[in-house]
Amino acid sequence: MDSRLERLREDVLSAVQGMSAQQMRWHPEGKWCVAEVLEHLYLTYTGTIKAFERVLASTEPMASAASPKQRWQTFVVLNFNYLPDGRKAPKQTVPRGLAVETIGSEVEAKIGEMDAIISRCESRFSRAKVLDHPVLGPLSAAQWRKFHLVHGKHHVKQILKLRERTGNPAGGQP
């Protein structure tokens, strides 16, 4: 597995290790709970997998030309590892209520599946921009991996804050 996605997998699993289903469902008013954050990540991974499947079915990469704004946003996210707070999740990545008991293993499996399909596209199209991100625009396979690492770490911070508020700090017992 690519080292960035392996680190992402480890960080996500470590953040929720030992949390009870009740703790994973707790949330402040108007905010997502840990289970919903995990589901959001799961949905971003399944969306990426489906999009890369379309790229593999095509004879060419499916990336457009980047706008100046997209180039700037990509630079900030991928070079400064910064994802701004407060952005609304795209509709297709909004949690729908997957079972708390299975979401962790589902996320882990999708990270592995995502890594495999990105690798297949990377070997086929080399360093080319292969696919458009909905906000950042065209990204290469390596940039997609880095995006998912930055995005995942952004949400791991949220999970750790929620975990702390449930009385189960990271490394603590359930």
C-alpha atoms as a PDB file:
ATOM      1  CA  MET A   1       0.000   0.000   0.000  1.00  0.00           C
ATOM      2  CA  ASP A   2       1.176   3.523  -0.706  1.00  0.00           C
ATOM      3  CA  SER A   3       2.786   5.008   2.415  1.00  0.00           C
ATOM      4  CA  ARG A   4       0.419   8.012   2.474  1.00  0.00           C
ATOM      5  CA  LEU A   5      -2.675   5.846   2.363  1.00  0.00           C
ATOM      6  CA  GLU A   6      -1.191   3.411   4.866  1.00  0.00           C
ATOM      7  CA  ARG A   7      -0.597   6.338   7.245  1.00  0.00           C
ATOM      8  CA  LEU A   8      -4.165   7.516   6.634  1.00  0.00           C
ATOM      9  CA  ARG A   9      -5.512   4.042   7.421  1.00  0.00           C
ATOM     10  CA  GLU A  10      -3.477   3.845  10.624  1.00  0.00           C
ATOM     11  CA  ASP A  11      -4.470   7.351  11.751  1.00  0.00           C
ATOM     12  CA  VAL A  12      -8.189   6.777  11.195  1.00  0.00           C
ATOM     13  CA  LEU A  13      -8.211   3.378  12.916  1.00  0.00           C
ATOM     14  CA  SER A  14      -6.127   4.652  15.829  1.00  0.00           C
ATOM     15  CA  ALA A  15      -8.454   7.639  16.308  1.00  0.00           C
ATOM     16  CA  VAL A  16     -11.494   5.398  16.874  1.00  0.00           C
ATOM     17  CA  GLN A  17      -9.849   2.432  18.584  1.00  0.00           C
ATOM     18  CA  GLY A  18     -11.621   1.578  21.822  1.00  0.00           C
ATOM     19  CA  MET A  19     -14.620   3.841  21.260  1.00  0.00           C
ATOM     20  CA  SER A  20     -18.037   2.421  22.069  1.00  0.00           C
ATOM     21  CA  ALA A  21     -20.957   2.709  19.652  1.00  0.00           C
ATOM     22  CA  GLN A  22     -22.540   5.185  22.058  1.00  0.00           C
ATOM     23  CA  GLN A  23     -19.429   7.363  22.057  1.00  0.00           C
ATOM     24  CA  MET A  24     -19.276   7.192  18.273  1.00  0.00           C
ATOM     25  CA  ARG A  25     -22.879   8.434  18.057  1.00  0.00           C
ATOM     26  CA  TRP A  26     -22.452  11.410  20.426  1.00  0.00           C
ATOM     27  CA  HIS A  27     -22.236  14.862  18.858  1.00  0.00           C
ATOM     28  CA  PRO A  28     -22.641  18.520  19.743  1.00  0.00           C
ATOM     29  CA  GLU A  29     -25.753  20.220  18.414  1.00  0.00           C
ATOM     30  CA  GLY A  30     -25.551  20.729  14.665  1.00  0.00           C
ATOM     31  CA  LYS A  31     -22.291  18.783  14.238  1.00  0.00           C
ATOM     32  CA  TRP A  32     -21.478  15.317  12.986  1.00  0.00           C
ATOM     33  CA  CYS A  33     -20.693  12.468  15.346  1.00  0.00           C
ATOM     34  CA  VAL A  34     -17.620  10.235  14.909  1.00  0.00           C
ATOM     35  CA  ALA A  35     -19.673   7.635  13.021  1.00  0.00           C
ATOM     36  CA  GLU A  36     -20.864  10.308  10.586  1.00  0.00           C
ATOM     37  CA  VAL A  37     -17.321  11.589  10.062  1.00  0.00           C
ATOM     38  CA  LEU A  38     -16.248   8.009   9.297  1.00  0.00           C
ATOM     39  CA  GLU A  39     -19.167   7.579   6.930  1.00  0.00           C
ATOM     40  CA  HIS A  40     -18.232  10.827   5.168  1.00  0.00           C
ATOM     41  CA  LEU A  41     -14.701   9.475   4.684  1.00  0.00           C
ATOM     42  CA  TYR A  42     -16.124   6.158   3.465  1.00  0.00           C
ATOM     43  CA  LEU A  43     -18.301   7.977   0.923  1.00  0.00           C
ATOM     44  CA  THR A  44     -15.347  10.029  -0.348  1.00  0.00           C
ATOM     45  CA  TYR A  45     -13.362   6.819  -0.829  1.00  0.00           C
ATOM     46  CA  THR A  46     -16.189   5.028  -2.655  1.00  0.00           C
ATOM     47  CA  GLY A  47     -16.695   8.110  -4.851  1.00  0.00           C
ATOM     48  CA  THR A  48     -13.003   8.187  -5.695  1.00  0.00           C
ATOM     49  CA  ILE A  49     -13.050   4.463  -6.494  1.00  0.00           C
ATOM     50  CA  LYS A  50     -16.033   4.849  -8.844  1.00  0.00           C
ATOM     51  CA  ALA A  51     -14.433   7.818 -10.593  1.00  0.00           C
ATOM     52  CA  PHE A  52     -11.140   5.959 -11.058  1.00  0.00           C
ATOM     53  CA  GLU A  53     -13.091   2.982 -12.454  1.00  0.00           C
ATOM     54  CA  ARG A  54     -14.419   5.359 -15.131  1.00  0.00           C
ATOM     55  CA  VAL A  55     -10.860   6.515 -15.849  1.00  0.00           C
ATOM     56  CA  LEU A  56      -9.706   2.907 -16.282  1.00  0.00           C
ATOM     57  CA  ALA A  57     -12.624   2.215 -18.630  1.00  0.00           C
ATOM     58  CA  SER A  58     -11.532   5.178 -20.745  1.00  0.00           C
ATOM     59  CA  THR A  59      -8.635   5.292 -23.165  1.00  0.00           C
ATOM     60  CA  GLU A  60      -7.396   8.605 -21.766  1.00  0.00           C
ATOM     61  CA  PRO A  61      -7.243  10.453 -18.443  1.00  0.00           C
ATOM     62  CA  MET A  62     -10.441  12.336 -17.569  1.00  0.00           C
ATOM     63  CA  ALA A  63      -8.868  15.563 -16.311  1.00  0.00           C
ATOM     64  CA  SER A  64      -9.688  19.014 -17.597  1.00  0.00           C
ATOM     65  CA  ALA A  65      -7.494  22.109 -17.579  1.00  0.00           C
ATOM     66  CA  ALA A  66      -7.117  23.704 -14.135  1.00  0.00           C
ATOM     67  CA  SER A  67      -8.316  27.233 -13.515  1.00  0.00           C
ATOM     68  CA  PRO A  68      -5.987  29.641 -11.693  1.00  0.00           C
ATOM     69  CA  LYS A  69      -8.210  29.307  -8.593  1.00  0.00           C
ATOM     70  CA  GLN A  70      -7.973  25.497  -8.714  1.00  0.00           C
ATOM     71  CA  ARG A  71      -4.196  25.620  -9.120  1.00  0.00           C
ATOM     72  CA  TRP A  72      -3.974  27.879  -6.054  1.00  0.00           C
ATOM     73  CA  GLN A  73      -6.309  25.698  -3.974  1.00  0.00           C
ATOM     74  CA  THR A  74      -4.408  22.556  -4.978  1.00  0.00           C
ATOM     75  CA  PHE A  75      -1.116  24.227  -4.062  1.00  0.00           C
ATOM     76  CA  VAL A  76      -2.406  25.204  -0.610  1.00  0.00           C
ATOM     77  CA  VAL A  77      -3.980  21.823   0.184  1.00  0.00           C
ATOM     78  CA  LEU A  78      -1.152  19.641  -1.111  1.00  0.00           C
ATOM     79  CA  ASN A  79       1.871  21.756  -0.163  1.00  0.00           C
ATOM     80  CA  PHE A  80       0.731  23.188   3.161  1.00  0.00           C
ATOM     81  CA  ASN A  81      -1.400  20.175   4.168  1.00  0.00           C
ATOM     82  CA  TYR A  82      -4.211  22.602   4.872  1.00  0.00           C
ATOM     83  CA  LEU A  83      -7.908  22.010   4.391  1.00  0.00           C
ATOM     84  CA  PRO A  84      -9.993  24.966   5.547  1.00  0.00           C
ATOM     85  CA  ASP A  85     -12.780  24.438   8.089  1.00  0.00           C
ATOM     86  CA  GLY A  86     -16.380  25.258   7.390  1.00  0.00           C
ATOM     87  CA  ARG A  87     -16.710  23.994   3.821  1.00  0.00           C
ATOM     88  CA  LYS A  88     -19.947  22.086   3.204  1.00  0.00           C
ATOM     89  CA  ALA A  89     -19.477  18.484   2.164  1.00  0.00           C
ATOM     90  CA  PRO A  90     -20.604  17.679  -1.374  1.00  0.00           C
ATOM     91  CA  LYS A  91     -24.074  16.122  -1.380  1.00  0.00           C
ATOM     92  CA  GLN A  92     -22.818  12.665  -2.340  1.00  0.00           C
ATOM     93  CA  THR A  93     -20.503  12.602   0.700  1.00  0.00           C
ATOM     94  CA  VAL A  94     -23.042  13.606   3.354  1.00  0.00           C
ATOM     95  CA  PRO A  95     -23.602  10.749   5.870  1.00  0.00           C
ATOM     96  CA  ARG A  96     -26.783   8.718   5.461  1.00  0.00           C
ATOM     97  CA  GLY A  97     -26.667   6.545   8.571  1.00  0.00           C
ATOM     98  CA  LEU A  98     -24.443   3.515   7.957  1.00  0.00           C
ATOM     99  CA  ALA A  99     -24.209   1.122  10.897  1.00  0.00           C
ATOM    100  CA  VAL A 100     -21.783   2.315  13.580  1.00  0.00           C
ATOM    101  CA  GLU A 101     -20.688  -1.263  14.228  1.00  0.00           C
ATOM    102  CA  THR A 102     -19.288  -1.766  10.713  1.00  0.00           C
ATOM    103  CA  ILE A 103     -18.182   1.659   9.499  1.00  0.00           C
ATOM    104  CA  GLY A 104     -14.584   1.360  10.789  1.00  0.00           C
ATOM    105  CA  SER A 105     -13.911  -1.862   8.906  1.00  0.00           C
ATOM    106  CA  GLU A 106     -15.664  -0.468   5.833  1.00  0.00           C
ATOM    107  CA  VAL A 107     -13.396   2.596   5.860  1.00  0.00           C
ATOM    108  CA  GLU A 108     -10.312   0.413   6.204  1.00  0.00           C
ATOM    109  CA  ALA A 109     -11.384  -1.793   3.282  1.00  0.00           C
ATOM    110  CA  LYS A 110     -12.169   1.170   1.034  1.00  0.00           C
ATOM    111  CA  ILE A 111      -8.763   2.761   1.676  1.00  0.00           C
ATOM    112  CA  GLY A 112      -7.138  -0.453   0.435  1.00  0.00           C
ATOM    113  CA  GLU A 113      -9.456  -0.666  -2.560  1.00  0.00           C
ATOM    114  CA  MET A 114      -8.833   2.999  -3.367  1.00  0.00           C
ATOM    115  CA  ASP A 115      -5.073   2.489  -3.200  1.00  0.00           C
ATOM    116  CA  ALA A 116      -5.280  -0.426  -5.631  1.00  0.00           C
ATOM    117  CA  ILE A 117      -7.307   1.415  -8.263  1.00  0.00           C
ATOM    118  CA  ILE A 118      -5.228   4.588  -8.000  1.00  0.00           C
ATOM    119  CA  SER A 119      -2.114   2.433  -8.511  1.00  0.00           C
ATOM    120  CA  ARG A 120      -3.638   0.869 -11.627  1.00  0.00           C
ATOM    121  CA  CYS A 121      -4.372   4.312 -13.076  1.00  0.00           C
ATOM    122  CA  GLU A 122      -0.939   5.546 -12.128  1.00  0.00           C
ATOM    123  CA  SER A 123       0.799   2.683 -13.930  1.00  0.00           C
ATOM    124  CA  ARG A 124      -1.378   3.278 -16.994  1.00  0.00           C
ATOM    125  CA  PHE A 125      -1.158   7.065 -17.197  1.00  0.00           C
ATOM    126  CA  SER A 126       2.114   7.741 -15.353  1.00  0.00           C
ATOM    127  CA  ARG A 127       2.316  11.286 -13.942  1.00  0.00           C
ATOM    128  CA  ALA A 128      -0.520  12.745 -15.964  1.00  0.00           C
ATOM    129  CA  LYS A 129      -3.430  14.499 -14.345  1.00  0.00           C
ATOM    130  CA  VAL A 130      -5.957  11.671 -14.418  1.00  0.00           C
ATOM    131  CA  LEU A 131      -9.164  12.929 -12.866  1.00  0.00           C
ATOM    132  CA  ASP A 132     -10.831  16.131 -11.680  1.00  0.00           C
ATOM    133  CA  HIS A 133     -11.500  16.664  -7.991  1.00  0.00           C
ATOM    134  CA  PRO A 134     -14.839  18.503  -7.516  1.00  0.00           C
ATOM    135  CA  VAL A 135     -13.114  21.518  -5.920  1.00  0.00           C
ATOM    136  CA  LEU A 136      -9.400  21.260  -6.665  1.00  0.00           C
ATOM    137  CA  GLY A 137      -9.750  20.327 -10.327  1.00  0.00           C
ATOM    138  CA  PRO A 138      -7.350  18.017 -12.164  1.00  0.00           C
ATOM    139  CA  LEU A 139      -5.068  15.873 -10.009  1.00  0.00           C
ATOM    140  CA  SER A 140      -2.508  13.171 -10.737  1.00  0.00           C
ATOM    141  CA  ALA A 141      -2.703   9.812  -8.981  1.00  0.00           C
ATOM    142  CA  ALA A 142      -0.051  10.934  -6.477  1.00  0.00           C
ATOM    143  CA  GLN A 143      -1.964  14.143  -5.829  1.00  0.00           C
ATOM    144  CA  TRP A 144      -5.157  12.162  -5.209  1.00  0.00           C
ATOM    145  CA  ARG A 145      -3.359  10.129  -2.554  1.00  0.00           C
ATOM    146  CA  LYS A 146      -1.988  13.273  -0.915  1.00  0.00           C
ATOM    147  CA  PHE A 147      -5.440  14.899  -1.018  1.00  0.00           C
ATOM    148  CA  HIS A 148      -6.984  11.910   0.773  1.00  0.00           C
ATOM    149  CA  LEU A 149      -4.233  12.004   3.400  1.00  0.00           C
ATOM    150  CA  VAL A 150      -4.756  15.737   4.058  1.00  0.00           C
ATOM    151  CA  HIS A 151      -8.558  15.354   4.021  1.00  0.00           C
ATOM    152  CA  GLY A 152      -8.412  12.335   6.314  1.00  0.00           C
ATOM    153  CA  LYS A 153      -6.067  14.034   8.796  1.00  0.00           C
ATOM    154  CA  HIS A 154      -8.435  17.027   8.847  1.00  0.00           C
ATOM    155  CA  HIS A 155     -11.235  14.683   9.929  1.00  0.00           C
ATOM    156  CA  VAL A 156      -9.045  12.681  12.324  1.00  0.00           C
ATOM    157  CA  LYS A 157      -8.528  15.951  14.251  1.00  0.00           C
ATOM    158  CA  GLN A 158     -12.311  16.298  14.463  1.00  0.00           C
ATOM    159  CA  ILE A 159     -12.660  12.701  15.632  1.00  0.00           C
ATOM    160  CA  LEU A 160     -10.045  13.204  18.339  1.00  0.00           C
ATOM    161  CA  LYS A 161     -11.825  16.338  19.599  1.00  0.00           C
ATOM    162  CA  LEU A 162     -15.145  14.490  19.708  1.00  0.00           C
ATOM    163  CA  ARG A 163     -13.488  11.545  21.400  1.00  0.00           C
ATOM    164  CA  GLU A 164     -12.046  13.824  24.075  1.00  0.00           C
ATOM    165  CA  ARG A 165     -15.492  15.288  24.720  1.00  0.00           C
ATOM    166  CA  THR A 166     -16.976  11.819  25.268  1.00  0.00           C
ATOM    167  CA  GLY A 167     -14.545  11.227  28.125  1.00  0.00           C
ATOM    168  CA  ASN A 168     -12.485   8.730  26.147  1.00  0.00           C
ATOM    169  CA  PRO A 169      -9.276  10.530  25.165  1.00  0.00           C
ATOM    170  CA  ALA A 170      -7.006   8.961  22.555  1.00  0.00           C
ATOM    171  CA  GLY A 171      -5.117   6.076  24.055  1.00  0.00           C
ATOM    172  CA  GLY A 172      -7.687   5.740  26.847  1.00  0.00           C
ATOM    173  CA  GLN A 173      -9.824   2.731  27.562  1.00  0.00           C
ATOM    174  CA  PRO A 174     -13.504   2.638  26.528  1.00  0.00           C
END
